[in-house]
PDB file of all heavy atoms in Angstrom:
ATOM      1  N   LEU A   1       0.822  -1.206   0.000  1.00  0.00           N
ATOM      2  CA  LEU A   1       0.000   0.000   0.000  1.00  0.00           C
ATOM      3  C   LEU A   1       0.860   1.262   0.000  1.00  0.00           C
ATOM      4  O   LEU A   1       0.473   2.282  -0.580  1.00  0.00           O
ATOM      5  CB  LEU A   1      -0.934  -0.004   1.209  1.00  0.00           C
ATOM      6  CG  LEU A   1      -2.057  -1.055   1.170  1.00  0.00           C
ATOM      7  CD1 LEU A   1      -2.865  -1.015   2.466  1.00  0.00           C
ATOM      8  CD2 LEU A   1      -2.978  -0.820  -0.022  1.00  0.00           C
ATOM      9  N   ARG A   2       2.015   1.206   0.645  1.00  0.00           N
ATOM     10  CA  ARG A   2       2.917   2.359   0.592  1.00  0.00           C
ATOM     11  C   ARG A   2       3.393   2.600  -0.832  1.00  0.00           C
ATOM     12  O   ARG A   2       3.486   3.749  -1.292  1.00  0.00           O
ATOM     13  CB  ARG A   2       4.103   2.155   1.539  1.00  0.00           C
ATOM     14  CG  ARG A   2       3.819   2.563   2.977  1.00  0.00           C
ATOM     15  CD  ARG A   2       5.099   2.647   3.790  1.00  0.00           C
ATOM     16  NE  ARG A   2       5.671   1.316   4.015  1.00  0.00           N
ATOM     17  CZ  ARG A   2       5.410   0.584   5.088  1.00  0.00           C
ATOM     18  NH1 ARG A   2       4.588   1.041   6.016  1.00  0.00           N
ATOM     19  NH2 ARG A   2       5.962  -0.594   5.247  1.00  0.00           N
ATOM     20  N   LEU A   3       3.714   1.523  -1.552  1.00  0.00           N
ATOM     21  CA  LEU A   3       4.121   1.664  -2.957  1.00  0.00           C
ATOM     22  C   LEU A   3       2.963   2.172  -3.814  1.00  0.00           C
ATOM     23  O   LEU A   3       3.163   2.995  -4.719  1.00  0.00           O
ATOM     24  CB  LEU A   3       4.633   0.322  -3.480  1.00  0.00           C
ATOM     25  CG  LEU A   3       5.933  -0.205  -2.840  1.00  0.00           C
ATOM     26  CD1 LEU A   3       6.228  -1.625  -3.321  1.00  0.00           C
ATOM     27  CD2 LEU A   3       7.105   0.713  -3.197  1.00  0.00           C
ATOM     28  N   ASP A   4       1.777   1.673  -3.535  1.00  0.00           N
ATOM     29  CA  ASP A   4       0.595   2.144  -4.268  1.00  0.00           C
ATOM     30  C   ASP A   4       0.397   3.643  -4.057  1.00  0.00           C
ATOM     31  O   ASP A   4       0.153   4.398  -5.010  1.00  0.00           O
ATOM     32  CB  ASP A   4      -0.660   1.392  -3.802  1.00  0.00           C
ATOM     33  CG  ASP A   4      -0.593  -0.099  -4.090  1.00  0.00           C
ATOM     34  OD1 ASP A   4       0.165  -0.490  -4.995  1.00  0.00           O
ATOM     35  OD2 ASP A   4      -1.294  -0.863  -3.406  1.00  0.00           O
ATOM     36  N   GLU A   5       0.493   4.064  -2.800  1.00  0.00           N
ATOM     37  CA  GLU A   5       0.270   5.474  -2.485  1.00  0.00           C
ATOM     38  C   GLU A   5       1.320   6.365  -3.137  1.00  0.00           C
ATOM     39  O   GLU A   5       1.004   7.468  -3.627  1.00  0.00           O
ATOM     40  CB  GLU A   5       0.264   5.651  -0.963  1.00  0.00           C
ATOM     41  CG  GLU A   5      -0.222   7.005  -0.485  1.00  0.00           C
ATOM     42  CD  GLU A   5       0.911   7.996  -0.383  1.00  0.00           C
ATOM     43  OE1 GLU A   5       2.043   7.565  -0.115  1.00  0.00           O
ATOM     44  OE2 GLU A   5       0.658   9.207  -0.573  1.00  0.00           O
ATOM     45  N   ALA A   6       2.569   5.900  -3.176  1.00  0.00           N
ATOM     46  CA  ALA A   6       3.631   6.686  -3.813  1.00  0.00           C
ATOM     47  C   ALA A   6       3.380   6.825  -5.318  1.00  0.00           C
ATOM     48  O   ALA A   6       3.574   7.901  -5.900  1.00  0.00           O
ATOM     49  CB  ALA A   6       4.985   6.023  -3.555  1.00  0.00           C
ATOM     50  N   ALA A   7       2.946   5.741  -5.964  1.00  0.00           N
ATOM     51  CA  ALA A   7       2.665   5.797  -7.398  1.00  0.00           C
ATOM     52  C   ALA A   7       1.473   6.704  -7.680  1.00  0.00           C
ATOM     53  O   ALA A   7       1.487   7.495  -8.641  1.00  0.00           O
ATOM     54  CB  ALA A   7       2.403   4.391  -7.933  1.00  0.00           C
ATOM     55  N   LEU A   8       0.447   6.617  -6.853  1.00  0.00           N
ATOM     56  CA  LEU A   8      -0.732   7.462  -7.051  1.00  0.00           C
ATOM     57  C   LEU A   8      -0.398   8.938  -6.849  1.00  0.00           C
ATOM     58  O   LEU A   8      -1.003   9.809  -7.478  1.00  0.00           O
ATOM     59  CB  LEU A   8      -1.836   7.044  -6.082  1.00  0.00           C
ATOM     60  CG  LEU A   8      -2.459   5.669  -6.362  1.00  0.00           C
ATOM     61  CD1 LEU A   8      -3.326   5.224  -5.186  1.00  0.00           C
ATOM     62  CD2 LEU A   8      -3.287   5.692  -7.642  1.00  0.00           C
ATOM     63  N   ALA A   9       0.570   9.230  -5.980  1.00  0.00           N
ATOM     64  CA  ALA A   9       0.995  10.616  -5.779  1.00  0.00           C
ATOM     65  C   ALA A   9       1.773  11.142  -6.983  1.00  0.00           C
ATOM     66  O   ALA A   9       1.749  12.341  -7.272  1.00  0.00           O
ATOM     67  CB  ALA A   9       1.839  10.721  -4.509  1.00  0.00           C
ATOM     68  N   ALA A  10       2.479  10.255  -7.691  1.00  0.00           N
ATOM     69  CA  ALA A  10       3.279  10.678  -8.844  1.00  0.00           C
ATOM     70  C   ALA A  10       2.451  10.826 -10.120  1.00  0.00           C
ATOM     71  O   ALA A  10       2.869  11.514 -11.047  1.00  0.00           O
ATOM     72  CB  ALA A  10       4.406   9.671  -9.083  1.00  0.00           C
ATOM     73  N   LEU A  11       1.281  10.196 -10.167  1.00  0.00           N
ATOM     74  CA  LEU A  11       0.502  10.158 -11.410  1.00  0.00           C
ATOM     75  C   LEU A  11      -0.197  11.467 -11.782  1.00  0.00           C
ATOM     76  O   LEU A  11      -0.230  11.820 -12.972  1.00  0.00           O
ATOM     77  CB  LEU A  11      -0.519   9.027 -11.327  1.00  0.00           C
ATOM     78  CG  LEU A  11       0.015   7.644 -11.700  1.00  0.00           C
ATOM     79  CD1 LEU A  11      -0.911   6.555 -11.202  1.00  0.00           C
ATOM     80  CD2 LEU A  11       0.197   7.554 -13.213  1.00  0.00           C
ATOM     81  N   PRO A  12      -0.785  12.215 -10.858  1.00  0.00           N
ATOM     82  CA  PRO A  12      -1.558  13.402 -11.267  1.00  0.00           C
ATOM     83  C   PRO A  12      -0.789  14.400 -12.117  1.00  0.00           C
ATOM     84  O   PRO A  12      -1.302  14.832 -13.173  1.00  0.00           O
ATOM     85  CB  PRO A  12      -2.014  14.000  -9.935  1.00  0.00           C
ATOM     86  CG  PRO A  12      -2.122  12.823  -9.025  1.00  0.00           C
ATOM     87  CD  PRO A  12      -0.979  11.943  -9.409  1.00  0.00           C
ATOM     88  N   PRO A  13       0.442  14.812 -11.748  1.00  0.00           N
ATOM     89  CA  PRO A  13       1.138  15.761 -12.632  1.00  0.00           C
ATOM     90  C   PRO A  13       1.472  15.167 -13.996  1.00  0.00           C
ATOM     91  O   PRO A  13       1.498  15.893 -15.001  1.00  0.00           O
ATOM     92  CB  PRO A  13       2.401  16.129 -11.847  1.00  0.00           C
ATOM     93  CG  PRO A  13       2.550  15.078 -10.810  1.00  0.00           C
ATOM     94  CD  PRO A  13       1.197  14.572 -10.503  1.00  0.00           C
ATOM     95  N   LEU A  14       1.717  13.860 -14.052  1.00  0.00           N
ATOM     96  CA  LEU A  14       1.983  13.224 -15.344  1.00  0.00           C
ATOM     97  C   LEU A  14       0.728  13.218 -16.215  1.00  0.00           C
ATOM     98  O   LEU A  14       0.797  13.475 -17.429  1.00  0.00           O
ATOM     99  CB  LEU A  14       2.473  11.794 -15.124  1.00  0.00           C
ATOM    100  CG  LEU A  14       3.798  11.646 -14.358  1.00  0.00           C
ATOM    101  CD1 LEU A  14       4.091  10.175 -14.089  1.00  0.00           C
ATOM    102  CD2 LEU A  14       4.945  12.278 -15.147  1.00  0.00           C
ATOM    103  N   LEU A  15      -0.405  12.929 -15.609  1.00  0.00           N
ATOM    104  CA  LEU A  15      -1.667  12.964 -16.361  1.00  0.00           C
ATOM    105  C   LEU A  15      -1.977  14.387 -16.835  1.00  0.00           C
ATOM    106  O   LEU A  15      -2.550  14.575 -17.914  1.00  0.00           O
ATOM    107  CB  LEU A  15      -2.803  12.429 -15.493  1.00  0.00           C
ATOM    108  CG  LEU A  15      -2.754  10.920 -15.217  1.00  0.00           C
ATOM    109  CD1 LEU A  15      -3.663  10.552 -14.053  1.00  0.00           C
ATOM    110  CD2 LEU A  15      -3.154  10.139 -16.466  1.00  0.00           C
ATOM    111  N   ASP A  16      -1.604  15.373 -16.045  1.00  0.00           N
ATOM    112  CA  ASP A  16      -1.796  16.761 -16.467  1.00  0.00           C
ATOM    113  C   ASP A  16      -0.932  17.083 -17.683  1.00  0.00           C
ATOM    114  O   ASP A  16      -1.367  17.809 -18.593  1.00  0.00           O
ATOM    115  CB  ASP A  16      -1.465  17.715 -15.317  1.00  0.00           C
ATOM    116  CG  ASP A  16      -2.516  17.703 -14.221  1.00  0.00           C
ATOM    117  OD1 ASP A  16      -3.666  17.305 -14.511  1.00  0.00           O
ATOM    118  OD2 ASP A  16      -2.193  18.090 -13.083  1.00  0.00           O
ATOM    119  N   VAL A  17       0.288  16.564 -17.715  1.00  0.00           N
ATOM    120  CA  VAL A  17       1.164  16.768 -18.878  1.00  0.00           C
ATOM    121  C   VAL A  17       0.539  16.156 -20.122  1.00  0.00           C
ATOM    122  O   VAL A  17       0.509  16.766 -21.198  1.00  0.00           O
ATOM    123  CB  VAL A  17       2.557  16.171 -18.605  1.00  0.00           C
ATOM    124  CG1 VAL A  17       3.396  16.140 -19.894  1.00  0.00           C
ATOM    125  CG2 VAL A  17       3.278  16.963 -17.529  1.00  0.00           C
ATOM    126  N   VAL A  18       0.029  14.946 -19.985  1.00  0.00           N
ATOM    127  CA  VAL A  18      -0.607  14.276 -21.124  1.00  0.00           C
ATOM    128  C   VAL A  18      -1.828  15.063 -21.589  1.00  0.00           C
ATOM    129  O   VAL A  18      -2.061  15.226 -22.798  1.00  0.00           O
ATOM    130  CB  VAL A  18      -0.993  12.833 -20.732  1.00  0.00           C
ATOM    131  CG1 VAL A  18      -1.752  12.151 -21.871  1.00  0.00           C
ATOM    132  CG2 VAL A  18       0.245  12.031 -20.369  1.00  0.00           C
ATOM    133  N   ARG A  19      -2.620  15.549 -20.658  1.00  0.00           N
ATOM    134  CA  ARG A  19      -3.817  16.316 -21.035  1.00  0.00           C
ATOM    135  C   ARG A  19      -3.462  17.586 -21.809  1.00  0.00           C
ATOM    136  O   ARG A  19      -4.092  17.905 -22.828  1.00  0.00           O
ATOM    137  CB  ARG A  19      -4.614  16.676 -19.779  1.00  0.00           C
ATOM    138  CG  ARG A  19      -5.855  17.523 -20.052  1.00  0.00           C
ATOM    139  CD  ARG A  19      -6.582  17.868 -18.769  1.00  0.00           C
ATOM    140  NE  ARG A  19      -5.713  18.517 -17.811  1.00  0.00           N
ATOM    141  CZ  ARG A  19      -5.393  19.812 -17.835  1.00  0.00           C
ATOM    142  NH1 ARG A  19      -5.881  20.595 -18.790  1.00  0.00           N
ATOM    143  NH2 ARG A  19      -4.598  20.329 -16.919  1.00  0.00           N
ATOM    144  N   ARG A  20      -2.432  18.297 -21.350  1.00  0.00           N
ATOM    145  CA  ARG A  20      -2.037  19.523 -22.056  1.00  0.00           C
ATOM    146  C   ARG A  20      -1.524  19.226 -23.457  1.00  0.00           C
ATOM    147  O   ARG A  20      -1.806  19.959 -24.408  1.00  0.00           O
ATOM    148  CB  ARG A  20      -0.983  20.276 -21.235  1.00  0.00           C
ATOM    149  CG  ARG A  20      -1.527  20.885 -19.953  1.00  0.00           C
ATOM    150  CD  ARG A  20      -0.544  21.894 -19.358  1.00  0.00           C
ATOM    151  NE  ARG A  20       0.710  21.255 -18.952  1.00  0.00           N
ATOM    152  CZ  ARG A  20       0.927  20.776 -17.733  1.00  0.00           C
ATOM    153  NH1 ARG A  20      -0.033  20.849 -16.810  1.00  0.00           N
ATOM    154  NH2 ARG A  20       2.086  20.230 -17.429  1.00  0.00           N
ATOM    155  N   ARG A  21      -0.773  18.124 -23.594  1.00  0.00           N
ATOM    156  CA  ARG A  21      -0.249  17.766 -24.925  1.00  0.00           C
ATOM    157  C   ARG A  21      -1.387  17.324 -25.844  1.00  0.00           C
ATOM    158  O   ARG A  21      -1.400  17.654 -27.039  1.00  0.00           O
ATOM    159  CB  ARG A  21       0.780  16.650 -24.791  1.00  0.00           C
ATOM    160  CG  ARG A  21       1.644  16.444 -26.018  1.00  0.00           C
ATOM    161  CD  ARG A  21       2.584  17.618 -26.196  1.00  0.00           C
ATOM    162  NE  ARG A  21       3.555  17.371 -27.256  1.00  0.00           N
ATOM    163  CZ  ARG A  21       3.496  17.910 -28.483  1.00  0.00           C
ATOM    164  NH1 ARG A  21       2.486  18.710 -28.808  1.00  0.00           N
ATOM    165  NH2 ARG A  21       4.433  17.650 -29.380  1.00  0.00           N
ATOM    166  N   GLN A  22      -2.347  16.595 -25.277  1.00  0.00           N
ATOM    167  CA  GLN A  22      -3.485  16.158 -26.090  1.00  0.00           C
ATOM    168  C   GLN A  22      -4.384  17.337 -26.462  1.00  0.00           C
ATOM    169  O   GLN A  22      -5.028  17.317 -27.512  1.00  0.00           O
ATOM    170  CB  GLN A  22      -4.297  15.108 -25.330  1.00  0.00           C
ATOM    171  CG  GLN A  22      -3.646  13.737 -25.302  1.00  0.00           C
ATOM    172  CD  GLN A  22      -3.493  13.130 -26.682  1.00  0.00           C
ATOM    173  OE1 GLN A  22      -4.460  12.998 -27.430  1.00  0.00           O
ATOM    174  NE2 GLN A  22      -2.261  12.765 -27.035  1.00  0.00           N
ATOM    175  N   ALA A  23      -4.426  18.355 -25.627  1.00  0.00           N
ATOM    176  CA  ALA A  23      -5.195  19.546 -25.974  1.00  0.00           C
ATOM    177  C   ALA A  23      -4.612  20.232 -27.204  1.00  0.00           C
ATOM    178  O   ALA A  23      -5.347  20.881 -27.969  1.00  0.00           O
ATOM    179  CB  ALA A  23      -5.215  20.511 -24.795  1.00  0.00           C
ATOM    180  N   GLU A  24      -3.310  20.080 -27.440  1.00  0.00           N
ATOM    181  CA  GLU A  24      -2.677  20.618 -28.642  1.00  0.00           C
ATOM    182  C   GLU A  24      -2.878  19.706 -29.844  1.00  0.00           C
ATOM    183  O   GLU A  24      -3.148  20.183 -30.953  1.00  0.00           O
ATOM    184  CB  GLU A  24      -1.178  20.820 -28.395  1.00  0.00           C
ATOM    185  CG  GLU A  24      -0.856  21.789 -27.255  1.00  0.00           C
ATOM    186  CD  GLU A  24       0.625  21.804 -26.931  1.00  0.00           C
ATOM    187  OE1 GLU A  24       1.377  21.031 -27.574  1.00  0.00           O
ATOM    188  OE2 GLU A  24       1.038  22.564 -26.038  1.00  0.00           O
ATOM    189  N   LEU A  25      -2.767  18.395 -29.616  1.00  0.00           N
ATOM    190  CA  LEU A  25      -2.859  17.444 -30.716  1.00  0.00           C
ATOM    191  C   LEU A  25      -4.304  17.115 -31.087  1.00  0.00           C
ATOM    192  O   LEU A  25      -4.611  16.898 -32.269  1.00  0.00           O
ATOM    193  CB  LEU A  25      -2.123  16.147 -30.345  1.00  0.00           C
ATOM    194  CG  LEU A  25      -0.622  16.290 -30.035  1.00  0.00           C
ATOM    195  CD1 LEU A  25      -0.057  14.955 -29.554  1.00  0.00           C
ATOM    196  CD2 LEU A  25       0.138  16.770 -31.274  1.00  0.00           C
ATOM    197  N   ASN A  26      -5.187  17.041 -30.099  1.00  0.00           N
ATOM    198  CA  ASN A  26      -6.593  16.675 -30.331  1.00  0.00           C
ATOM    199  C   ASN A  26      -7.512  17.644 -29.583  1.00  0.00           C
ATOM    200  O   ASN A  26      -8.177  17.255 -28.620  1.00  0.00           O
ATOM    201  CB  ASN A  26      -6.856  15.235 -29.866  1.00  0.00           C
ATOM    202  CG  ASN A  26      -6.069  14.212 -30.660  1.00  0.00           C
ATOM    203  OD1 ASN A  26      -6.247  14.071 -31.856  1.00  0.00           O
ATOM    204  ND2 ASN A  26      -5.178  13.515 -29.969  1.00  0.00           N
ATOM    205  N   PRO A  27      -7.551  18.900 -30.019  1.00  0.00           N
ATOM    206  CA  PRO A  27      -8.347  19.886 -29.266  1.00  0.00           C
ATOM    207  C   PRO A  27      -9.841  19.595 -29.262  1.00  0.00           C
ATOM    208  O   PRO A  27     -10.554  20.082 -28.379  1.00  0.00           O
ATOM    209  CB  PRO A  27      -8.043  21.202 -29.990  1.00  0.00           C
ATOM    210  CG  PRO A  27      -7.596  20.794 -31.359  1.00  0.00           C
ATOM    211  CD  PRO A  27      -6.897  19.493 -31.195  1.00  0.00           C
ATOM    212  N   ARG A  28     -10.323  18.801 -30.215  1.00  0.00           N
ATOM    213  CA  ARG A  28     -11.750  18.496 -30.267  1.00  0.00           C
ATOM    214  C   ARG A  28     -12.124  17.240 -29.487  1.00  0.00           C
ATOM    215  O   ARG A  28     -13.313  16.923 -29.376  1.00  0.00           O
ATOM    216  CB  ARG A  28     -12.190  18.328 -31.719  1.00  0.00           C
ATOM    217  CG  ARG A  28     -12.062  19.605 -32.544  1.00  0.00           C
ATOM    218  CD  ARG A  28     -12.598  19.408 -33.949  1.00  0.00           C
ATOM    219  NE  ARG A  28     -12.502  20.625 -34.742  1.00  0.00           N
ATOM    220  CZ  ARG A  28     -12.903  20.730 -36.004  1.00  0.00           C
ATOM    221  NH1 ARG A  28     -13.434  19.667 -36.621  1.00  0.00           N
ATOM    222  NH2 ARG A  28     -12.792  21.872 -36.644  1.00  0.00           N
ATOM    223  N   ALA A  29     -11.151  16.559 -28.968  1.00  0.00           N
ATOM    224  CA  ALA A  29     -11.424  15.345 -28.177  1.00  0.00           C
ATOM    225  C   ALA A  29     -11.771  15.754 -26.746  1.00  0.00           C
ATOM    226  O   ALA A  29     -11.021  15.495 -25.797  1.00  0.00           O
ATOM    227  CB  ALA A  29     -10.220  14.399 -28.219  1.00  0.00           C
ATOM    228  N   LEU A  30     -12.932  16.373 -26.603  1.00  0.00           N
ATOM    229  CA  LEU A  30     -13.300  16.949 -25.305  1.00  0.00           C
ATOM    230  C   LEU A  30     -13.500  15.882 -24.237  1.00  0.00           C
ATOM    231  O   LEU A  30     -13.149  16.077 -23.067  1.00  0.00           O
ATOM    232  CB  LEU A  30     -14.574  17.787 -25.459  1.00  0.00           C
ATOM    233  CG  LEU A  30     -14.469  18.966 -26.431  1.00  0.00           C
ATOM    234  CD1 LEU A  30     -15.785  19.731 -26.471  1.00  0.00           C
ATOM    235  CD2 LEU A  30     -13.325  19.887 -26.045  1.00  0.00           C
ATOM    236  N   ARG A  31     -14.076  14.751 -24.625  1.00  0.00           N
ATOM    237  CA  ARG A  31     -14.300  13.705 -23.626  1.00  0.00           C
ATOM    238  C   ARG A  31     -12.973  13.128 -23.136  1.00  0.00           C
ATOM    239  O   ARG A  31     -12.820  12.835 -21.939  1.00  0.00           O
ATOM    240  CB  ARG A  31     -15.188  12.602 -24.194  1.00  0.00           C
ATOM    241  CG  ARG A  31     -15.631  11.585 -23.139  1.00  0.00           C
ATOM    242  CD  ARG A  31     -16.714  10.672 -23.670  1.00  0.00           C
ATOM    243  NE  ARG A  31     -16.260   9.864 -24.799  1.00  0.00           N
ATOM    244  CZ  ARG A  31     -17.024   8.962 -25.419  1.00  0.00           C
ATOM    245  NH1 ARG A  31     -18.271   8.778 -25.011  1.00  0.00           N
ATOM    246  NH2 ARG A  31     -16.555   8.265 -26.437  1.00  0.00           N
ATOM    247  N   LEU A  32     -12.009  12.965 -24.031  1.00  0.00           N
ATOM    248  CA  LEU A  32     -10.695  12.473 -23.625  1.00  0.00           C
ATOM    249  C   LEU A  32     -10.033  13.463 -22.674  1.00  0.00           C
ATOM    250  O   LEU A  32      -9.460  13.061 -21.644  1.00  0.00           O
ATOM    251  CB  LEU A  32      -9.809  12.257 -24.850  1.00  0.00           C
ATOM    252  CG  LEU A  32      -8.328  11.958 -24.563  1.00  0.00           C
ATOM    253  CD1 LEU A  32      -8.183  10.682 -23.757  1.00  0.00           C
ATOM    254  CD2 LEU A  32      -7.527  11.879 -25.867  1.00  0.00           C
TER     255      LEU A  32
END
């Protein structure tokens, strides 16, 4: 669970990076 919690803490900023890049590549993919 400690490893799980550490991974979950690292994921949000990475998902934000992906979202910003996808907003440039697929601006109409609103659901994504």
